[in-house]
Amino acid sequence: MFDLIHRQQKIQEKRKQTSFRDFVVEIASRMPMQVYRQNGIITRFPPTERSPLLCKNLEEFFDIPFEQEYRDDVSFSEQLASFYKKRPHIPLFSYPIGNENSDFSDAVFGAKNAYLSFSVGAGAENVLYSSMVYNNVRNVFSSVQIENACDNVFQSLSVQKSMNIFYCKYIVNSNNLWFCDNMI
Protein backbone atom coordinates (compact mmCIF):
# COMPACT_ATOMS: atom_id res chain seq x y z
CA MET A 1 0.00 0.00 0.00
CA PHE A 2 2.88 2.34 0.78
CA ASP A 3 4.24 1.88 -2.78
CA LEU A 4 0.94 2.97 -4.30
CA ILE A 5 0.74 6.09 -2.11
CA HIS A 6 4.36 6.89 -2.87
CA ARG A 7 3.72 6.46 -6.60
CA GLN A 8 0.62 8.68 -6.47
CA GLN A 9 2.58 11.42 -4.73
CA LYS A 10 5.35 11.14 -7.31
CA ILE A 11 2.86 11.52 -10.17
CA GLN A 12 1.20 14.49 -8.46
CA GLU A 13 4.56 16.24 -8.04
CA LYS A 14 5.48 15.64 -11.67
CA ARG A 15 2.10 16.93 -12.89
CA LYS A 16 2.46 20.13 -10.84
CA GLN A 17 5.64 20.93 -12.77
CA THR A 18 4.15 20.10 -16.19
CA SER A 19 2.16 22.68 -18.11
CA PHE A 20 -1.37 21.68 -19.09
CA ARG A 21 -0.51 21.78 -22.79
CA ASP A 22 2.43 19.40 -22.32
CA PHE A 23 0.25 17.14 -20.16
CA VAL A 24 -2.43 16.86 -22.87
CA VAL A 25 0.16 16.26 -25.60
CA GLU A 26 1.90 13.56 -23.56
CA ILE A 27 -1.27 11.71 -22.59
CA ALA A 28 -3.30 12.14 -25.77
CA SER A 29 -0.49 11.21 -28.14
CA ARG A 30 -0.46 7.59 -26.99
CA MET A 31 -3.55 6.67 -29.02
CA PRO A 32 -3.80 9.09 -31.93
CA MET A 33 -6.97 9.83 -33.85
CA GLN A 34 -6.49 11.81 -36.98
CA VAL A 35 -9.14 14.02 -38.49
CA TYR A 36 -8.68 16.33 -41.45
CA ARG A 37 -10.32 19.43 -42.82
CA GLN A 38 -11.42 19.18 -46.44
CA ASN A 39 -13.65 21.65 -48.24
CA GLY A 40 -14.86 23.09 -44.94
CA ILE A 41 -15.80 19.64 -43.56
CA ILE A 42 -14.09 17.73 -40.75
CA THR A 43 -13.48 14.14 -41.90
CA ARG A 44 -11.45 11.05 -41.04
CA PHE A 45 -10.20 10.72 -44.63
CA PRO A 46 -6.84 12.37 -45.40
CA PRO A 47 -6.63 14.74 -48.35
CA THR A 48 -5.29 12.47 -51.09
CA GLU A 49 -6.13 11.87 -54.71
CA ARG A 50 -7.93 8.67 -53.62
CA SER A 51 -10.74 10.45 -51.80
CA PRO A 52 -11.39 13.80 -53.45
CA LEU A 53 -15.15 14.01 -52.82
CA LEU A 54 -16.86 14.55 -49.49
CA CYS A 55 -20.61 14.53 -48.87
CA LYS A 56 -22.12 17.15 -46.66
CA ASN A 57 -24.88 14.82 -45.44
CA LEU A 58 -26.02 11.21 -45.70
CA GLU A 59 -28.86 11.93 -48.14
CA GLU A 60 -26.34 13.21 -50.67
CA PHE A 61 -24.22 10.07 -50.14
CA PHE A 62 -27.07 7.62 -50.76
CA ASP A 63 -28.51 9.49 -53.76
CA ILE A 64 -25.45 8.62 -55.88
CA PRO A 65 -25.76 5.24 -57.66
CA PHE A 66 -23.35 2.52 -56.57
CA GLU A 67 -23.08 0.80 -59.97
CA GLN A 68 -20.30 0.86 -62.49
CA GLU A 69 -20.12 -0.92 -65.85
CA TYR A 70 -17.62 -3.80 -65.84
CA ARG A 71 -15.12 -3.76 -68.70
CA ASP A 72 -13.11 -6.77 -69.88
CA ASP A 73 -10.27 -4.70 -71.38
CA VAL A 74 -9.32 -3.12 -68.01
CA SER A 75 -8.06 -5.05 -64.97
CA PHE A 76 -10.34 -5.45 -61.97
CA SER A 77 -7.93 -3.52 -59.71
CA GLU A 78 -7.92 -0.51 -62.00
CA GLN A 79 -11.72 -0.55 -62.20
CA LEU A 80 -12.00 -0.80 -58.43
CA ALA A 81 -9.56 2.12 -58.02
CA SER A 82 -11.52 4.29 -60.45
CA PHE A 83 -14.79 3.39 -58.70
CA TYR A 84 -13.23 4.30 -55.35
CA LYS A 85 -12.06 7.66 -56.73
CA LYS A 86 -15.54 8.48 -58.04
CA ARG A 87 -17.37 7.60 -54.82
CA PRO A 88 -17.69 10.36 -52.25
CA HIS A 89 -16.89 9.66 -48.61
CA ILE A 90 -19.06 10.70 -45.74
CA PRO A 91 -17.43 12.97 -43.17
CA LEU A 92 -17.48 12.05 -39.50
CA PHE A 93 -20.63 10.00 -38.97
CA SER A 94 -23.07 11.18 -36.34
CA TYR A 95 -26.43 9.53 -35.68
CA PRO A 96 -29.23 12.08 -35.22
CA ILE A 97 -30.09 10.77 -31.74
CA GLY A 98 -29.52 13.37 -29.03
CA ASN A 99 -25.87 14.21 -29.63
CA GLU A 100 -24.67 17.35 -27.94
CA ASN A 101 -21.31 19.07 -28.46
CA SER A 102 -19.83 16.04 -30.29
CA ASP A 103 -18.98 17.48 -33.69
CA PHE A 104 -15.41 16.18 -33.82
CA SER A 105 -16.14 12.52 -33.02
CA ASP A 106 -17.03 9.64 -35.32
CA ALA A 107 -19.92 7.15 -34.99
CA VAL A 108 -21.60 9.05 -32.17
CA PHE A 109 -25.13 8.31 -30.89
CA GLY A 110 -26.68 9.87 -27.80
CA ALA A 111 -23.47 11.37 -26.37
CA LYS A 112 -22.59 14.66 -24.70
CA ASN A 113 -19.24 16.43 -24.92
CA ALA A 114 -17.32 13.86 -26.98
CA TYR A 115 -14.11 15.09 -28.61
CA LEU A 116 -11.85 13.22 -31.06
CA SER A 117 -13.37 9.84 -30.17
CA PHE A 118 -14.75 6.87 -32.12
CA SER A 119 -17.89 4.82 -31.37
CA VAL A 120 -19.33 6.82 -28.52
CA GLY A 121 -22.92 6.70 -27.35
CA ALA A 122 -25.89 5.61 -25.26
CA GLY A 123 -25.46 8.02 -22.38
CA ALA A 124 -21.72 8.73 -22.68
CA GLU A 125 -20.66 12.09 -21.31
CA ASN A 126 -17.32 13.96 -21.28
CA VAL A 127 -15.37 11.56 -23.49
CA LEU A 128 -12.00 12.64 -24.89
CA TYR A 129 -9.60 10.75 -27.20
CA SER A 130 -11.35 7.40 -26.64
CA SER A 131 -12.94 4.58 -28.57
CA MET A 132 -15.91 2.22 -27.99
CA VAL A 133 -17.38 4.10 -25.04
CA TYR A 134 -21.07 3.57 -24.29
CA ASN A 135 -23.89 2.75 -21.82
CA ASN A 136 -23.97 5.54 -19.24
CA VAL A 137 -20.28 6.32 -18.81
CA ARG A 138 -18.85 9.66 -17.68
CA ASN A 139 -15.47 11.36 -17.68
CA VAL A 140 -13.41 9.06 -19.91
CA PHE A 141 -10.02 10.18 -21.21
CA SER A 142 -7.77 8.33 -23.67
CA SER A 143 -9.32 4.89 -23.11
CA VAL A 144 -10.71 1.99 -25.15
CA GLN A 145 -13.81 -0.16 -24.59
CA ILE A 146 -15.34 1.50 -21.55
CA GLU A 147 -18.94 0.46 -20.91
CA ASN A 148 -21.81 -0.08 -18.47
CA ALA A 149 -21.91 2.72 -15.90
CA CYS A 150 -18.23 3.66 -15.56
CA ASP A 151 -17.06 6.94 -14.12
CA ASN A 152 -13.64 8.68 -14.12
CA VAL A 153 -11.61 6.37 -16.35
CA PHE A 154 -8.17 7.48 -17.51
CA GLN A 155 -5.78 5.74 -19.96
CA SER A 156 -7.42 2.32 -19.53
CA LEU A 157 -8.61 -0.63 -21.60
CA SER A 158 -11.76 -2.77 -21.28
CA VAL A 159 -13.44 -1.44 -18.14
CA GLN A 160 -17.00 -2.28 -17.05
CA LYS A 161 -19.13 -1.13 -14.08
CA SER A 162 -16.22 0.63 -12.38
CA MET A 163 -15.18 4.07 -11.19
CA ASN A 164 -11.91 5.94 -10.58
CA ILE A 165 -9.79 3.69 -12.81
CA PHE A 166 -6.34 4.92 -13.89
CA TYR A 167 -3.85 3.15 -16.19
CA CYS A 168 -5.63 -0.23 -15.90
CA LYS A 169 -6.88 -2.95 -18.24
CA TYR A 170 -9.52 -5.66 -18.08
CA ILE A 171 -11.41 -4.33 -15.04
CA VAL A 172 -14.94 -5.37 -14.00
CA ASN A 173 -17.00 -4.03 -11.09
CA SER A 174 -14.11 -2.34 -9.24
CA ASN A 175 -13.31 1.07 -7.78
CA ASN A 176 -10.25 3.25 -7.09
CA LEU A 177 -7.62 1.29 -9.03
CA TRP A 178 -4.22 2.40 -10.31
CA PHE A 179 -1.92 0.35 -12.59
CA CYS A 180 -3.94 -2.90 -12.36
CA ASP A 181 -4.69 -5.78 -14.72
CA ASN A 182 -7.47 -8.39 -14.67
CA MET A 183 -9.38 -7.16 -11.61
CA ILE A 184 -12.92 -8.27 -10.72
C-alpha atoms as a PDB file:
ATOM      1  CA  MET A   1       0.000   0.000   0.000  1.00  0.00           C
ATOM      2  CA  PHE A   2       2.876   2.344   0.777  1.00  0.00           C
ATOM      3  CA  ASP A   3       4.240   1.882  -2.781  1.00  0.00           C
ATOM      4  CA  LEU A   4       0.938   2.972  -4.299  1.00  0.00           C
ATOM      5  CA  ILE A   5       0.741   6.089  -2.109  1.00  0.00           C
ATOM      6  CA  HIS A   6       4.363   6.891  -2.869  1.00  0.00           C
ATOM      7  CA  ARG A   7       3.720   6.463  -6.603  1.00  0.00           C
ATOM      8  CA  GLN A   8       0.618   8.678  -6.473  1.00  0.00           C
ATOM      9  CA  GLN A   9       2.583  11.417  -4.728  1.00  0.00           C
ATOM     10  CA  LYS A  10       5.349  11.142  -7.308  1.00  0.00           C
ATOM     11  CA  ILE A  11       2.865  11.524 -10.166  1.00  0.00           C
ATOM     12  CA  GLN A  12       1.196  14.494  -8.459  1.00  0.00           C
ATOM     13  CA  GLU A  13       4.557  16.244  -8.035  1.00  0.00           C
ATOM     14  CA  LYS A  14       5.483  15.640 -11.672  1.00  0.00           C
ATOM     15  CA  ARG A  15       2.099  16.933 -12.886  1.00  0.00           C
ATOM     16  CA  LYS A  16       2.460  20.134 -10.841  1.00  0.00           C
ATOM     17  CA  GLN A  17       5.640  20.933 -12.771  1.00  0.00           C
ATOM     18  CA  THR A  18       4.153  20.096 -16.189  1.00  0.00           C
ATOM     19  CA  SER A  19       2.159  22.680 -18.107  1.00  0.00           C
ATOM     20  CA  PHE A  20      -1.370  21.677 -19.090  1.00  0.00           C
ATOM     21  CA  ARG A  21      -0.514  21.780 -22.789  1.00  0.00           C
ATOM     22  CA  ASP A  22       2.434  19.398 -22.317  1.00  0.00           C
ATOM     23  CA  PHE A  23       0.248  17.143 -20.160  1.00  0.00           C
ATOM     24  CA  VAL A  24      -2.429  16.864 -22.873  1.00  0.00           C
ATOM     25  CA  VAL A  25       0.160  16.260 -25.605  1.00  0.00           C
ATOM     26  CA  GLU A  26       1.898  13.560 -23.561  1.00  0.00           C
ATOM     27  CA  ILE A  27      -1.271  11.713 -22.586  1.00  0.00           C
ATOM     28  CA  ALA A  28      -3.296  12.136 -25.768  1.00  0.00           C
ATOM     29  CA  SER A  29      -0.492  11.209 -28.143  1.00  0.00           C
ATOM     30  CA  ARG A  30      -0.457   7.586 -26.989  1.00  0.00           C
ATOM     31  CA  MET A  31      -3.547   6.666 -29.017  1.00  0.00           C
ATOM     32  CA  PRO A  32      -3.797   9.094 -31.930  1.00  0.00           C
ATOM     33  CA  MET A  33      -6.970   9.829 -33.846  1.00  0.00           C
ATOM     34  CA  GLN A  34      -6.495  11.807 -36.975  1.00  0.00           C
ATOM     35  CA  VAL A  35      -9.139  14.017 -38.493  1.00  0.00           C
ATOM     36  CA  TYR A  36      -8.682  16.327 -41.448  1.00  0.00           C
ATOM     37  CA  ARG A  37     -10.323  19.429 -42.824  1.00  0.00           C
ATOM     38  CA  GLN A  38     -11.417  19.181 -46.443  1.00  0.00           C
ATOM     39  CA  ASN A  39     -13.654  21.647 -48.241  1.00  0.00           C
ATOM     40  CA  GLY A  40     -14.857  23.086 -44.935  1.00  0.00           C
ATOM     41  CA  ILE A  41     -15.804  19.640 -43.556  1.00  0.00           C
ATOM     42  CA  ILE A  42     -14.094  17.728 -40.748  1.00  0.00           C
ATOM     43  CA  THR A  43     -13.478  14.144 -41.896  1.00  0.00           C
ATOM     44  CA  ARG A  44     -11.451  11.055 -41.043  1.00  0.00           C
ATOM     45  CA  PHE A  45     -10.197  10.717 -44.631  1.00  0.00           C
ATOM     46  CA  PRO A  46      -6.840  12.366 -45.404  1.00  0.00           C
ATOM     47  CA  PRO A  47      -6.630  14.737 -48.352  1.00  0.00           C
ATOM     48  CA  THR A  48      -5.285  12.466 -51.093  1.00  0.00           C
ATOM     49  CA  GLU A  49      -6.130  11.873 -54.710  1.00  0.00           C
ATOM     50  CA  ARG A  50      -7.932   8.666 -53.621  1.00  0.00           C
ATOM     51  CA  SER A  51     -10.740  10.447 -51.802  1.00  0.00           C
ATOM     52  CA  PRO A  52     -11.395  13.797 -53.449  1.00  0.00           C
ATOM     53  CA  LEU A  53     -15.150  14.008 -52.823  1.00  0.00           C
ATOM     54  CA  LEU A  54     -16.861  14.549 -49.492  1.00  0.00           C
ATOM     55  CA  CYS A  55     -20.611  14.526 -48.871  1.00  0.00           C
ATOM     56  CA  LYS A  56     -22.120  17.153 -46.665  1.00  0.00           C
ATOM     57  CA  ASN A  57     -24.875  14.819 -45.437  1.00  0.00           C
ATOM     58  CA  LEU A  58     -26.016  11.210 -45.700  1.00  0.00           C
ATOM     59  CA  GLU A  59     -28.861  11.928 -48.141  1.00  0.00           C
ATOM     60  CA  GLU A  60     -26.339  13.208 -50.674  1.00  0.00           C
ATOM     61  CA  PHE A  61     -24.219  10.071 -50.143  1.00  0.00           C
ATOM     62  CA  PHE A  62     -27.069   7.618 -50.756  1.00  0.00           C
ATOM     63  CA  ASP A  63     -28.508   9.493 -53.763  1.00  0.00           C
ATOM     64  CA  ILE A  64     -25.450   8.622 -55.875  1.00  0.00           C
ATOM     65  CA  PRO A  65     -25.762   5.242 -57.659  1.00  0.00           C
ATOM     66  CA  PHE A  66     -23.350   2.524 -56.566  1.00  0.00           C
ATOM     67  CA  GLU A  67     -23.078   0.798 -59.971  1.00  0.00           C
ATOM     68  CA  GLN A  68     -20.300   0.857 -62.487  1.00  0.00           C
ATOM     69  CA  GLU A  69     -20.118  -0.925 -65.852  1.00  0.00           C
ATOM     70  CA  TYR A  70     -17.615  -3.803 -65.840  1.00  0.00           C
ATOM     71  CA  ARG A  71     -15.118  -3.758 -68.704  1.00  0.00           C
ATOM     72  CA  ASP A  72     -13.105  -6.770 -69.877  1.00  0.00           C
ATOM     73  CA  ASP A  73     -10.270  -4.698 -71.380  1.00  0.00           C
ATOM     74  CA  VAL A  74      -9.318  -3.118 -68.010  1.00  0.00           C
ATOM     75  CA  SER A  75      -8.064  -5.049 -64.970  1.00  0.00           C
ATOM     76  CA  PHE A  76     -10.339  -5.446 -61.972  1.00  0.00           C
ATOM     77  CA  SER A  77      -7.929  -3.516 -59.707  1.00  0.00           C
ATOM     78  CA  GLU A  78      -7.924  -0.505 -62.004  1.00  0.00           C
ATOM     79  CA  GLN A  79     -11.718  -0.550 -62.205  1.00  0.00           C
ATOM     80  CA  LEU A  80     -12.000  -0.797 -58.431  1.00  0.00           C
ATOM     81  CA  ALA A  81      -9.560   2.118 -58.023  1.00  0.00           C
ATOM     82  CA  SER A  82     -11.522   4.295 -60.452  1.00  0.00           C
ATOM     83  CA  PHE A  83     -14.786   3.386 -58.696  1.00  0.00           C
ATOM     84  CA  TYR A  84     -13.225   4.296 -55.353  1.00  0.00           C
ATOM     85  CA  LYS A  85     -12.056   7.656 -56.725  1.00  0.00           C
ATOM     86  CA  LYS A  86     -15.538   8.478 -58.039  1.00  0.00           C
ATOM     87  CA  ARG A  87     -17.366   7.597 -54.818  1.00  0.00           C
ATOM     88  CA  PRO A  88     -17.686  10.361 -52.250  1.00  0.00           C
ATOM     89  CA  HIS A  89     -16.888   9.662 -48.615  1.00  0.00           C
ATOM     90  CA  ILE A  90     -19.061  10.701 -45.738  1.00  0.00           C
ATOM     91  CA  PRO A  91     -17.430  12.965 -43.173  1.00  0.00           C
ATOM     92  CA  LEU A  92     -17.485  12.055 -39.505  1.00  0.00           C
ATOM     93  CA  PHE A  93     -20.628   9.996 -38.969  1.00  0.00           C
ATOM     94  CA  SER A  94     -23.065  11.178 -36.338  1.00  0.00           C
ATOM     95  CA  TYR A  95     -26.430   9.533 -35.683  1.00  0.00           C
ATOM     96  CA  PRO A  96     -29.230  12.079 -35.220  1.00  0.00           C
ATOM     97  CA  ILE A  97     -30.095  10.770 -31.737  1.00  0.00           C
ATOM     98  CA  GLY A  98     -29.523  13.367 -29.034  1.00  0.00           C
ATOM     99  CA  ASN A  99     -25.870  14.214 -29.625  1.00  0.00           C
ATOM    100  CA  GLU A 100     -24.666  17.348 -27.936  1.00  0.00           C
ATOM    101  CA  ASN A 101     -21.312  19.066 -28.462  1.00  0.00           C
ATOM    102  CA  SER A 102     -19.834  16.043 -30.290  1.00  0.00           C
ATOM    103  CA  ASP A 103     -18.982  17.481 -33.694  1.00  0.00           C
ATOM    104  CA  PHE A 104     -15.410  16.175 -33.818  1.00  0.00           C
ATOM    105  CA  SER A 105     -16.142  12.523 -33.017  1.00  0.00           C
ATOM    106  CA  ASP A 106     -17.031   9.644 -35.318  1.00  0.00           C
ATOM    107  CA  ALA A 107     -19.920   7.152 -34.992  1.00  0.00           C
ATOM    108  CA  VAL A 108     -21.602   9.052 -32.166  1.00  0.00           C
ATOM    109  CA  PHE A 109     -25.125   8.311 -30.892  1.00  0.00           C
ATOM    110  CA  GLY A 110     -26.680   9.874 -27.803  1.00  0.00           C
ATOM    111  CA  ALA A 111     -23.469  11.370 -26.375  1.00  0.00           C
ATOM    112  CA  LYS A 112     -22.594  14.661 -24.701  1.00  0.00           C
ATOM    113  CA  ASN A 113     -19.236  16.428 -24.916  1.00  0.00           C
ATOM    114  CA  ALA A 114     -17.316  13.856 -26.979  1.00  0.00           C
ATOM    115  CA  TYR A 115     -14.114  15.091 -28.613  1.00  0.00           C
ATOM    116  CA  LEU A 116     -11.850  13.222 -31.059  1.00  0.00           C
ATOM    117  CA  SER A 117     -13.368   9.845 -30.173  1.00  0.00           C
ATOM    118  CA  PHE A 118     -14.748   6.867 -32.119  1.00  0.00           C
ATOM    119  CA  SER A 119     -17.892   4.822 -31.373  1.00  0.00           C
ATOM    120  CA  VAL A 120     -19.328   6.819 -28.517  1.00  0.00           C
ATOM    121  CA  GLY A 121     -22.918   6.696 -27.345  1.00  0.00           C
ATOM    122  CA  ALA A 122     -25.885   5.614 -25.262  1.00  0.00           C
ATOM    123  CA  GLY A 123     -25.458   8.025 -22.377  1.00  0.00           C
ATOM    124  CA  ALA A 124     -21.724   8.729 -22.681  1.00  0.00           C
ATOM    125  CA  GLU A 125     -20.660  12.093 -21.306  1.00  0.00           C
ATOM    126  CA  ASN A 126     -17.317  13.962 -21.281  1.00  0.00           C
ATOM    127  CA  VAL A 127     -15.370  11.556 -23.494  1.00  0.00           C
ATOM    128  CA  LEU A 128     -12.002  12.638 -24.893  1.00  0.00           C
ATOM    129  CA  TYR A 129      -9.603  10.753 -27.204  1.00  0.00           C
ATOM    130  CA  SER A 130     -11.346   7.404 -26.636  1.00  0.00           C
ATOM    131  CA  SER A 131     -12.942   4.582 -28.573  1.00  0.00           C
ATOM    132  CA  MET A 132     -15.912   2.225 -27.994  1.00  0.00           C
ATOM    133  CA  VAL A 133     -17.379   4.100 -25.037  1.00  0.00           C
ATOM    134  CA  TYR A 134     -21.071   3.572 -24.292  1.00  0.00           C
ATOM    135  CA  ASN A 135     -23.885   2.746 -21.820  1.00  0.00           C
ATOM    136  CA  ASN A 136     -23.971   5.537 -19.241  1.00  0.00           C
ATOM    137  CA  VAL A 137     -20.278   6.317 -18.806  1.00  0.00           C
ATOM    138  CA  ARG A 138     -18.851   9.660 -17.680  1.00  0.00           C
ATOM    139  CA  ASN A 139     -15.465  11.361 -17.680  1.00  0.00           C
ATOM    140  CA  VAL A 140     -13.409   9.057 -19.909  1.00  0.00           C
ATOM    141  CA  PHE A 141     -10.018  10.178 -21.212  1.00  0.00           C
ATOM    142  CA  SER A 142      -7.769   8.326 -23.672  1.00  0.00           C
ATOM    143  CA  SER A 143      -9.320   4.893 -23.114  1.00  0.00           C
ATOM    144  CA  VAL A 144     -10.705   1.986 -25.148  1.00  0.00           C
ATOM    145  CA  GLN A 145     -13.809  -0.163 -24.593  1.00  0.00           C
ATOM    146  CA  ILE A 146     -15.336   1.496 -21.547  1.00  0.00           C
ATOM    147  CA  GLU A 147     -18.939   0.458 -20.910  1.00  0.00           C
ATOM    148  CA  ASN A 148     -21.813  -0.084 -18.468  1.00  0.00           C
ATOM    149  CA  ALA A 149     -21.911   2.725 -15.899  1.00  0.00           C
ATOM    150  CA  CYS A 150     -18.233   3.657 -15.563  1.00  0.00           C
ATOM    151  CA  ASP A 151     -17.058   6.944 -14.125  1.00  0.00           C
ATOM    152  CA  ASN A 152     -13.640   8.680 -14.123  1.00  0.00           C
ATOM    153  CA  VAL A 153     -11.607   6.367 -16.352  1.00  0.00           C
ATOM    154  CA  PHE A 154      -8.168   7.483 -17.515  1.00  0.00           C
ATOM    155  CA  GLN A 155      -5.783   5.745 -19.956  1.00  0.00           C
ATOM    156  CA  SER A 156      -7.420   2.317 -19.531  1.00  0.00           C
ATOM    157  CA  LEU A 157      -8.609  -0.631 -21.602  1.00  0.00           C
ATOM    158  CA  SER A 158     -11.764  -2.765 -21.276  1.00  0.00           C
ATOM    159  CA  VAL A 159     -13.436  -1.443 -18.138  1.00  0.00           C
ATOM    160  CA  GLN A 160     -16.999  -2.276 -17.046  1.00  0.00           C
ATOM    161  CA  LYS A 161     -19.132  -1.135 -14.076  1.00  0.00           C
ATOM    162  CA  SER A 162     -16.217   0.626 -12.378  1.00  0.00           C
ATOM    163  CA  MET A 163     -15.178   4.066 -11.194  1.00  0.00           C
ATOM    164  CA  ASN A 164     -11.911   5.942 -10.584  1.00  0.00           C
ATOM    165  CA  ILE A 165      -9.790   3.689 -12.807  1.00  0.00           C
ATOM    166  CA  PHE A 166      -6.343   4.921 -13.889  1.00  0.00           C
ATOM    167  CA  TYR A 167      -3.850   3.150 -16.186  1.00  0.00           C
ATOM    168  CA  CYS A 168      -5.634  -0.233 -15.905  1.00  0.00           C
ATOM    169  CA  LYS A 169      -6.875  -2.946 -18.243  1.00  0.00           C
ATOM    170  CA  TYR A 170      -9.522  -5.665 -18.077  1.00  0.00           C
ATOM    171  CA  ILE A 171     -11.408  -4.330 -15.040  1.00  0.00           C
ATOM    172  CA  VAL A 172     -14.939  -5.369 -14.000  1.00  0.00           C
ATOM    173  CA  ASN A 173     -17.002  -4.028 -11.087  1.00  0.00           C
ATOM    174  CA  SER A 174     -14.107  -2.345  -9.240  1.00  0.00           C
ATOM    175  CA  ASN A 175     -13.309   1.067  -7.776  1.00  0.00           C
ATOM    176  CA  ASN A 176     -10.253   3.248  -7.092  1.00  0.00           C
ATOM    177  CA  LEU A 177      -7.618   1.293  -9.031  1.00  0.00           C
ATOM    178  CA  TRP A 178      -4.217   2.396 -10.315  1.00  0.00           C
ATOM    179  CA  PHE A 179      -1.923   0.353 -12.594  1.00  0.00           C
ATOM    180  CA  CYS A 180      -3.942  -2.895 -12.362  1.00  0.00           C
ATOM    181  CA  ASP A 181      -4.693  -5.781 -14.718  1.00  0.00           C
ATOM    182  CA  ASN A 182      -7.472  -8.386 -14.666  1.00  0.00           C
ATOM    183  CA  MET A 183      -9.383  -7.163 -11.607  1.00  0.00           C
ATOM    184  CA  ILE A 184     -12.921  -8.273 -10.720  1.00  0.00           C
END
